[in-house]
Amino acid sequence: MVAAARATAGGRLRGDVLLACVADEEYGSSGTEEVLESFTLLGTGTVHASVIRGGEETSTHPAHCRVTLERRTVPGENADGV
């Protein structure tokens, strides 16, 4: 709750903040299950290039390039579908 209050102290945010205070997280996660039954505004998963390495100077083509991608999933997605 403090983090949400501090995040909005500088003005409006670009999106919504959802604060879920749930019970039974140490055993069965029934609180989270109930929240997920009523809240579905997450949208799609995201992907971004988090690390890019390659090349040695501006005027040449690099001999190699390595790109590390991160894919964030949302409930309902699985590895096969992504």
PDB file of N, CA and C in Angstrom:
ATOM      1  N   MET A   1       0.824  -1.167   0.000  1.00  0.00           N
ATOM      2  CA  MET A   1       0.000   0.000   0.000  1.00  0.00           C
ATOM      3  C   MET A   1       0.879   1.245   0.000  1.00  0.00           C
ATOM      4  N   VAL A   2       1.973   1.200   0.742  1.00  0.00           N
ATOM      5  CA  VAL A   2       2.892   2.341   0.771  1.00  0.00           C
ATOM      6  C   VAL A   2       3.513   2.548  -0.606  1.00  0.00           C
ATOM      7  N   ALA A   3       3.927   1.465  -1.266  1.00  0.00           N
ATOM      8  CA  ALA A   3       4.524   1.587  -2.594  1.00  0.00           C
ATOM      9  C   ALA A   3       3.536   2.187  -3.593  1.00  0.00           C
ATOM     10  N   ALA A   4       2.270   1.775  -3.529  1.00  0.00           N
ATOM     11  CA  ALA A   4       1.259   2.325  -4.432  1.00  0.00           C
ATOM     12  C   ALA A   4       1.048   3.807  -4.158  1.00  0.00           C
ATOM     13  N   ALA A   5       1.019   4.184  -2.905  1.00  0.00           N
ATOM     14  CA  ALA A   5       0.848   5.601  -2.552  1.00  0.00           C
ATOM     15  C   ALA A   5       2.038   6.420  -3.033  1.00  0.00           C
ATOM     16  N   ARG A   6       3.224   5.903  -2.862  1.00  0.00           N
ATOM     17  CA  ARG A   6       4.421   6.635  -3.311  1.00  0.00           C
ATOM     18  C   ARG A   6       4.488   6.728  -4.828  1.00  0.00           C
ATOM     19  N   ALA A   7       4.056   5.670  -5.517  1.00  0.00           N
ATOM     20  CA  ALA A   7       4.087   5.684  -6.981  1.00  0.00           C
ATOM     21  C   ALA A   7       3.177   6.764  -7.553  1.00  0.00           C
ATOM     22  N   THR A   8       2.075   7.056  -6.880  1.00  0.00           N
ATOM     23  CA  THR A   8       1.138   8.053  -7.384  1.00  0.00           C
ATOM     24  C   THR A   8       1.407   9.454  -6.834  1.00  0.00           C
ATOM     25  N   ALA A   9       2.356   9.574  -5.939  1.00  0.00           N
ATOM     26  CA  ALA A   9       2.641  10.886  -5.340  1.00  0.00           C
ATOM     27  C   ALA A   9       3.116  11.898  -6.378  1.00  0.00           C
ATOM     28  N   GLY A  10       3.780  11.422  -7.432  1.00  0.00           N
ATOM     29  CA  GLY A  10       4.278  12.325  -8.461  1.00  0.00           C
ATOM     30  C   GLY A  10       3.268  12.639  -9.546  1.00  0.00           C
ATOM     31  N   GLY A  11       2.075  12.157  -9.439  1.00  0.00           N
ATOM     32  CA  GLY A  11       1.045  12.402 -10.451  1.00  0.00           C
ATOM     33  C   GLY A  11       0.416  11.105 -10.901  1.00  0.00           C
ATOM     34  N   ARG A  12      -0.418  11.216 -11.915  1.00  0.00           N
ATOM     35  CA  ARG A  12      -1.147  10.044 -12.424  1.00  0.00           C
ATOM     36  C   ARG A  12      -0.190   9.058 -13.081  1.00  0.00           C
ATOM     37  N   LEU A  13      -0.523   7.785 -12.972  1.00  0.00           N
ATOM     38  CA  LEU A  13       0.248   6.733 -13.618  1.00  0.00           C
ATOM     39  C   LEU A  13      -0.336   6.436 -14.992  1.00  0.00           C
ATOM     40  N   ARG A  14       0.442   5.768 -15.845  1.00  0.00           N
ATOM     41  CA  ARG A  14      -0.035   5.418 -17.190  1.00  0.00           C
ATOM     42  C   ARG A  14      -0.961   4.216 -17.188  1.00  0.00           C
ATOM     43  N   GLY A  15      -1.045   3.513 -16.078  1.00  0.00           N
ATOM     44  CA  GLY A  15      -1.900   2.336 -16.012  1.00  0.00           C
ATOM     45  C   GLY A  15      -2.514   2.204 -14.641  1.00  0.00           C
ATOM     46  N   ASP A  16      -3.149   1.086 -14.422  1.00  0.00           N
ATOM     47  CA  ASP A  16      -3.801   0.819 -13.145  1.00  0.00           C
ATOM     48  C   ASP A  16      -2.850   0.094 -12.204  1.00  0.00           C
ATOM     49  N   VAL A  17      -3.037   0.304 -10.925  1.00  0.00           N
ATOM     50  CA  VAL A  17      -2.322  -0.439  -9.896  1.00  0.00           C
ATOM     51  C   VAL A  17      -3.354  -1.288  -9.170  1.00  0.00           C
ATOM     52  N   LEU A  18      -3.086  -2.582  -9.108  1.00  0.00           N
ATOM     53  CA  LEU A  18      -3.983  -3.495  -8.418  1.00  0.00           C
ATOM     54  C   LEU A  18      -3.276  -3.976  -7.166  1.00  0.00           C
ATOM     55  N   LEU A  19      -3.884  -3.750  -6.028  1.00  0.00           N
ATOM     56  CA  LEU A  19      -3.353  -4.222  -4.753  1.00  0.00           C
ATOM     57  C   LEU A  19      -4.259  -5.349  -4.278  1.00  0.00           C
ATOM     58  N   ALA A  20      -3.700  -6.542  -4.179  1.00  0.00           N
ATOM     59  CA  ALA A  20      -4.486  -7.705  -3.752  1.00  0.00           C
ATOM     60  C   ALA A  20      -3.939  -8.195  -2.423  1.00  0.00           C
ATOM     61  N   CYS A  21      -4.728  -8.069  -1.385  1.00  0.00           N
ATOM     62  CA  CYS A  21      -4.380  -8.596  -0.064  1.00  0.00           C
ATOM     63  C   CYS A  21      -5.135  -9.911   0.074  1.00  0.00           C
ATOM     64  N   VAL A  22      -4.407 -11.012  -0.070  1.00  0.00           N
ATOM     65  CA  VAL A  22      -5.052 -12.315  -0.137  1.00  0.00           C
ATOM     66  C   VAL A  22      -4.631 -13.209   1.028  1.00  0.00           C
ATOM     67  N   ALA A  23      -5.443 -14.213   1.286  1.00  0.00           N
ATOM     68  CA  ALA A  23      -5.181 -15.156   2.376  1.00  0.00           C
ATOM     69  C   ALA A  23      -4.746 -16.503   1.820  1.00  0.00           C
ATOM     70  N   ASP A  24      -4.127 -17.312   2.655  1.00  0.00           N
ATOM     71  CA  ASP A  24      -3.788 -18.701   2.365  1.00  0.00           C
ATOM     72  C   ASP A  24      -2.691 -18.847   1.316  1.00  0.00           C
ATOM     73  N   GLU A  25      -1.761 -17.919   1.243  1.00  0.00           N
ATOM     74  CA  GLU A  25      -0.699 -18.013   0.252  1.00  0.00           C
ATOM     75  C   GLU A  25       0.368 -19.034   0.622  1.00  0.00           C
ATOM     76  N   GLU A  26       0.482 -19.373   1.880  1.00  0.00           N
ATOM     77  CA  GLU A  26       1.503 -20.325   2.295  1.00  0.00           C
ATOM     78  C   GLU A  26       1.125 -21.765   1.993  1.00  0.00           C
ATOM     79  N   TYR A  27      -0.164 -22.031   1.769  1.00  0.00           N
ATOM     80  CA  TYR A  27      -0.587 -23.413   1.574  1.00  0.00           C
ATOM     81  C   TYR A  27      -1.262 -23.633   0.219  1.00  0.00           C
ATOM     82  N   GLY A  28      -2.448 -23.123   0.068  1.00  0.00           N
ATOM     83  CA  GLY A  28      -3.230 -23.455  -1.122  1.00  0.00           C
ATOM     84  C   GLY A  28      -3.429 -22.336  -2.118  1.00  0.00           C
ATOM     85  N   SER A  29      -3.022 -21.132  -1.799  1.00  0.00           N
ATOM     86  CA  SER A  29      -3.194 -19.965  -2.677  1.00  0.00           C
ATOM     87  C   SER A  29      -4.645 -19.701  -3.051  1.00  0.00           C
ATOM     88  N   SER A  30      -5.569 -20.026  -2.149  1.00  0.00           N
ATOM     89  CA  SER A  30      -6.981 -19.834  -2.471  1.00  0.00           C
ATOM     90  C   SER A  30      -7.333 -18.360  -2.633  1.00  0.00           C
ATOM     91  N   GLY A  31      -6.650 -17.480  -1.920  1.00  0.00           N
ATOM     92  CA  GLY A  31      -6.919 -16.052  -2.069  1.00  0.00           C
ATOM     93  C   GLY A  31      -6.584 -15.558  -3.461  1.00  0.00           C
ATOM     94  N   THR A  32      -5.429 -15.948  -3.975  1.00  0.00           N
ATOM     95  CA  THR A  32      -5.027 -15.553  -5.321  1.00  0.00           C
ATOM     96  C   THR A  32      -5.952 -16.150  -6.367  1.00  0.00           C
ATOM     97  N   GLU A  33      -6.347 -17.405  -6.173  1.00  0.00           N
ATOM     98  CA  GLU A  33      -7.278 -18.040  -7.106  1.00  0.00           C
ATOM     99  C   GLU A  33      -8.571 -17.238  -7.212  1.00  0.00           C
ATOM    100  N   GLU A  34      -9.068 -16.740  -6.105  1.00  0.00           N
ATOM    101  CA  GLU A  34     -10.302 -15.970  -6.134  1.00  0.00           C
ATOM    102  C   GLU A  34     -10.108 -14.634  -6.832  1.00  0.00           C
ATOM    103  N   VAL A  35      -8.982 -13.986  -6.601  1.00  0.00           N
ATOM    104  CA  VAL A  35      -8.703 -12.718  -7.292  1.00  0.00           C
ATOM    105  C   VAL A  35      -8.668 -12.958  -8.796  1.00  0.00           C
ATOM    106  N   LEU A  36      -8.015 -14.025  -9.235  1.00  0.00           N
ATOM    107  CA  LEU A  36      -7.894 -14.301 -10.662  1.00  0.00           C
ATOM    108  C   LEU A  36      -9.224 -14.629 -11.324  1.00  0.00           C
ATOM    109  N   GLU A  37     -10.197 -15.103 -10.545  1.00  0.00           N
ATOM    110  CA  GLU A  37     -11.522 -15.370 -11.100  1.00  0.00           C
ATOM    111  C   GLU A  37     -12.258 -14.077 -11.443  1.00  0.00           C
ATOM    112  N   SER A  38     -11.956 -12.986 -10.741  1.00  0.00           N
ATOM    113  CA  SER A  38     -12.662 -11.733 -10.985  1.00  0.00           C
ATOM    114  C   SER A  38     -11.862 -10.701 -11.755  1.00  0.00           C
ATOM    115  N   PHE A  39     -10.560 -10.802 -11.776  1.00  0.00           N
ATOM    116  CA  PHE A  39      -9.728  -9.784 -12.414  1.00  0.00           C
ATOM    117  C   PHE A  39      -8.997 -10.391 -13.595  1.00  0.00           C
ATOM    118  N   THR A  40      -9.306  -9.814 -14.820  1.00  0.00           N
ATOM    119  CA  THR A  40      -8.667 -10.319 -16.036  1.00  0.00           C
ATOM    120  C   THR A  40      -8.184  -9.149 -16.908  1.00  0.00           C
ATOM    121  N   LEU A  41      -7.763  -7.839 -16.452  1.00  0.00           N
ATOM    122  CA  LEU A  41      -7.359  -6.724 -17.345  1.00  0.00           C
ATOM    123  C   LEU A  41      -5.869  -6.682 -17.614  1.00  0.00           C
ATOM    124  N   LEU A  42      -5.136  -7.874 -17.558  1.00  0.00           N
ATOM    125  CA  LEU A  42      -3.688  -7.896 -17.732  1.00  0.00           C
ATOM    126  C   LEU A  42      -3.252  -7.674 -19.168  1.00  0.00           C
ATOM    127  N   GLY A  43      -4.079  -7.982 -20.143  1.00  0.00           N
ATOM    128  CA  GLY A  43      -3.684  -7.813 -21.546  1.00  0.00           C
ATOM    129  C   GLY A  43      -2.805  -8.954 -22.014  1.00  0.00           C
ATOM    130  N   THR A  44      -1.892  -8.661 -22.940  1.00  0.00           N
ATOM    131  CA  THR A  44      -1.031  -9.694 -23.514  1.00  0.00           C
ATOM    132  C   THR A  44       0.319  -9.718 -22.815  1.00  0.00           C
ATOM    133  N   GLY A  45       1.035 -10.798 -23.016  1.00  0.00           N
ATOM    134  CA  GLY A  45       2.393 -10.886 -22.499  1.00  0.00           C
ATOM    135  C   GLY A  45       3.301  -9.930 -23.252  1.00  0.00           C
ATOM    136  N   THR A  46       4.499  -9.765 -22.750  1.00  0.00           N
ATOM    137  CA  THR A  46       5.438  -8.850 -23.395  1.00  0.00           C
ATOM    138  C   THR A  46       6.736  -9.574 -23.713  1.00  0.00           C
ATOM    139  N   VAL A  47       7.456  -9.038 -24.671  1.00  0.00           N
ATOM    140  CA  VAL A  47       8.789  -9.543 -25.002  1.00  0.00           C
ATOM    141  C   VAL A  47       9.677  -8.334 -25.278  1.00  0.00           C
ATOM    142  N   HIS A  48      10.901  -8.394 -24.797  1.00  0.00           N
ATOM    143  CA  HIS A  48      11.837  -7.315 -25.099  1.00  0.00           C
ATOM    144  C   HIS A  48      13.261  -7.855 -25.155  1.00  0.00           C
ATOM    145  N   ALA A  49      14.108  -7.163 -25.905  1.00  0.00           N
ATOM    146  CA  ALA A  49      15.527  -7.519 -25.989  1.00  0.00           C
ATOM    147  C   ALA A  49      16.212  -6.867 -24.801  1.00  0.00           C
ATOM    148  N   SER A  50      16.551  -7.669 -23.809  1.00  0.00           N
ATOM    149  CA  SER A  50      17.109  -7.103 -22.581  1.00  0.00           C
ATOM    150  C   SER A  50      18.614  -6.904 -22.649  1.00  0.00           C
ATOM    151  N   VAL A  51      19.319  -7.726 -23.444  1.00  0.00           N
ATOM    152  CA  VAL A  51      20.769  -7.599 -23.598  1.00  0.00           C
ATOM    153  C   VAL A  51      21.120  -7.808 -25.063  1.00  0.00           C
ATOM    154  N   ILE A  52      21.886  -6.890 -25.634  1.00  0.00           N
ATOM    155  CA  ILE A  52      22.374  -7.030 -27.010  1.00  0.00           C
ATOM    156  C   ILE A  52      23.885  -6.791 -26.981  1.00  0.00           C
ATOM    157  N   ARG A  53      24.638  -7.766 -27.522  1.00  0.00           N
ATOM    158  CA  ARG A  53      26.102  -7.634 -27.568  1.00  0.00           C
ATOM    159  C   ARG A  53      26.578  -8.004 -28.962  1.00  0.00           C
ATOM    160  N   GLY A  54      27.519  -7.256 -29.482  1.00  0.00           N
ATOM    161  CA  GLY A  54      28.106  -7.589 -30.777  1.00  0.00           C
ATOM    162  C   GLY A  54      28.761  -6.392 -31.412  1.00  0.00           C
ATOM    163  N   GLY A  55      29.631  -6.653 -32.350  1.00  0.00           N
ATOM    164  CA  GLY A  55      30.310  -5.603 -33.079  1.00  0.00           C
ATOM    165  C   GLY A  55      31.464  -4.993 -32.303  1.00  0.00           C
ATOM    166  N   GLU A  56      32.323  -4.327 -33.068  1.00  0.00           N
ATOM    167  CA  GLU A  56      33.477  -3.687 -32.441  1.00  0.00           C
ATOM    168  C   GLU A  56      33.618  -2.224 -32.817  1.00  0.00           C
ATOM    169  N   GLU A  57      33.009  -1.836 -33.926  1.00  0.00           N
ATOM    170  CA  GLU A  57      33.061  -0.429 -34.323  1.00  0.00           C
ATOM    171  C   GLU A  57      31.892  -0.124 -35.249  1.00  0.00           C
ATOM    172  N   THR A  58      31.664   1.132 -35.488  1.00  0.00           N
ATOM    173  CA  THR A  58      30.493   1.567 -36.236  1.00  0.00           C
ATOM    174  C   THR A  58      30.519   1.166 -37.701  1.00  0.00           C
ATOM    175  N   SER A  59      31.673   1.184 -38.343  1.00  0.00           N
ATOM    176  CA  SER A  59      31.729   1.024 -39.801  1.00  0.00           C
ATOM    177  C   SER A  59      31.922  -0.405 -40.292  1.00  0.00           C
ATOM    178  N   THR A  60      31.789  -1.419 -39.433  1.00  0.00           N
ATOM    179  CA  THR A  60      31.956  -2.796 -39.880  1.00  0.00           C
ATOM    180  C   THR A  60      30.749  -3.637 -39.490  1.00  0.00           C
ATOM    181  N   HIS A  61      30.584  -4.744 -40.207  1.00  0.00           N
ATOM    182  CA  HIS A  61      29.557  -5.711 -39.838  1.00  0.00           C
ATOM    183  C   HIS A  61      30.147  -6.608 -38.759  1.00  0.00           C
ATOM    184  N   PRO A  62      29.418  -6.853 -37.685  1.00  0.00           N
ATOM    185  CA  PRO A  62      29.966  -7.688 -36.616  1.00  0.00           C
ATOM    186  C   PRO A  62      30.092  -9.146 -37.061  1.00  0.00           C
ATOM    187  N   ALA A  63      31.108  -9.813 -36.532  1.00  0.00           N
ATOM    188  CA  ALA A  63      31.294 -11.232 -36.805  1.00  0.00           C
ATOM    189  C   ALA A  63      30.235 -12.058 -36.074  1.00  0.00           C
ATOM    190  N   HIS A  64      29.744 -11.524 -34.982  1.00  0.00           N
ATOM    191  CA  HIS A  64      28.706 -12.211 -34.225  1.00  0.00           C
ATOM    192  C   HIS A  64      27.867 -11.186 -33.465  1.00  0.00           C
ATOM    193  N   CYS A  65      26.690 -11.608 -33.093  1.00  0.00           N
ATOM    194  CA  CYS A  65      25.799 -10.784 -32.280  1.00  0.00           C
ATOM    195  C   CYS A  65      24.993 -11.718 -31.390  1.00  0.00           C
ATOM    196  N   ARG A  66      24.842 -11.349 -30.139  1.00  0.00           N
ATOM    197  CA  ARG A  66      24.057 -12.153 -29.209  1.00  0.00           C
ATOM    198  C   ARG A  66      22.946 -11.277 -28.636  1.00  0.00           C
ATOM    199  N   VAL A  67      21.722 -11.758 -28.742  1.00  0.00           N
ATOM    200  CA  VAL A  67      20.559 -11.044 -28.230  1.00  0.00           C
ATOM    201  C   VAL A  67      19.875 -11.939 -27.203  1.00  0.00           C
ATOM    202  N   THR A  68      19.635 -11.397 -26.030  1.00  0.00           N
ATOM    203  CA  THR A  68      18.900 -12.119 -25.001  1.00  0.00           C
ATOM    204  C   THR A  68      17.500 -11.533 -24.920  1.00  0.00           C
ATOM    205  N   LEU A  69      16.493 -12.378 -25.119  1.00  0.00           N
ATOM    206  CA  LEU A  69      15.106 -11.938 -25.061  1.00  0.00           C
ATOM    207  C   LEU A  69      14.476 -12.407 -23.761  1.00  0.00           C
ATOM    208  N   GLU A  70      13.575 -11.594 -23.248  1.00  0.00           N
ATOM    209  CA  GLU A  70      12.798 -11.979 -22.078  1.00  0.00           C
ATOM    210  C   GLU A  70      11.332 -11.942 -22.470  1.00  0.00           C
ATOM    211  N   ARG A  71      10.637 -13.026 -22.199  1.00  0.00           N
ATOM    212  CA  ARG A  71       9.211 -13.103 -22.509  1.00  0.00           C
ATOM    213  C   ARG A  71       8.437 -13.224 -21.213  1.00  0.00           C
ATOM    214  N   ARG A  72       7.597 -12.267 -20.938  1.00  0.00           N
ATOM    215  CA  ARG A  72       6.735 -12.298 -19.748  1.00  0.00           C
ATOM    216  C   ARG A  72       5.380 -12.825 -20.164  1.00  0.00           C
ATOM    217  N   THR A  73       4.905 -13.822 -19.450  1.00  0.00           N
ATOM    218  CA  THR A  73       3.613 -14.413 -19.762  1.00  0.00           C
ATOM    219  C   THR A  73       2.547 -13.891 -18.820  1.00  0.00           C
ATOM    220  N   VAL A  74       1.317 -14.105 -19.191  1.00  0.00           N
ATOM    221  CA  VAL A  74       0.181 -13.745 -18.361  1.00  0.00           C
ATOM    222  C   VAL A  74      -0.619 -15.015 -18.086  1.00  0.00           C
ATOM    223  N   PRO A  75      -1.476 -15.018 -17.078  1.00  0.00           N
ATOM    224  CA  PRO A  75      -2.277 -16.218 -16.805  1.00  0.00           C
ATOM    225  C   PRO A  75      -3.009 -16.686 -18.048  1.00  0.00           C
ATOM    226  N   GLY A  76      -2.995 -17.992 -18.260  1.00  0.00           N
ATOM    227  CA  GLY A  76      -3.641 -18.573 -19.422  1.00  0.00           C
ATOM    228  C   GLY A  76      -2.659 -18.917 -20.536  1.00  0.00           C
ATOM    229  N   GLU A  77      -1.477 -18.316 -20.537  1.00  0.00           N
ATOM    230  CA  GLU A  77      -0.466 -18.645 -21.527  1.00  0.00           C
ATOM    231  C   GLU A  77       0.375 -19.816 -21.021  1.00  0.00           C
ATOM    232  N   ASN A  78       0.926 -20.580 -21.952  1.00  0.00           N
ATOM    233  CA  ASN A  78       1.853 -21.637 -21.570  1.00  0.00           C
ATOM    234  C   ASN A  78       3.007 -21.643 -22.563  1.00  0.00           C
ATOM    235  N   ALA A  79       4.046 -22.419 -22.259  1.00  0.00           N
ATOM    236  CA  ALA A  79       5.250 -22.434 -23.078  1.00  0.00           C
ATOM    237  C   ALA A  79       4.955 -22.865 -24.523  1.00  0.00           C
ATOM    238  N   ASP A  80       4.090 -23.852 -24.706  1.00  0.00           N
ATOM    239  CA  ASP A  80       3.768 -24.325 -26.056  1.00  0.00           C
ATOM    240  C   ASP A  80       3.039 -23.248 -26.870  1.00  0.00           C
ATOM    241  N   GLY A  81       2.158 -22.530 -26.243  1.00  0.00           N
ATOM    242  CA  GLY A  81       1.411 -21.483 -26.939  1.00  0.00           C
ATOM    243  C   GLY A  81       2.252 -20.260 -27.274  1.00  0.00           C
ATOM    244  N   VAL A  82       3.189 -19.955 -26.417  1.00  0.00           N
ATOM    245  CA  VAL A  82       4.056 -18.795 -26.625  1.00  0.00           C
ATOM    246  C   VAL A  82       5.034 -19.094 -27.738  1.00  0.00           C
TER     247      VAL A  82
END
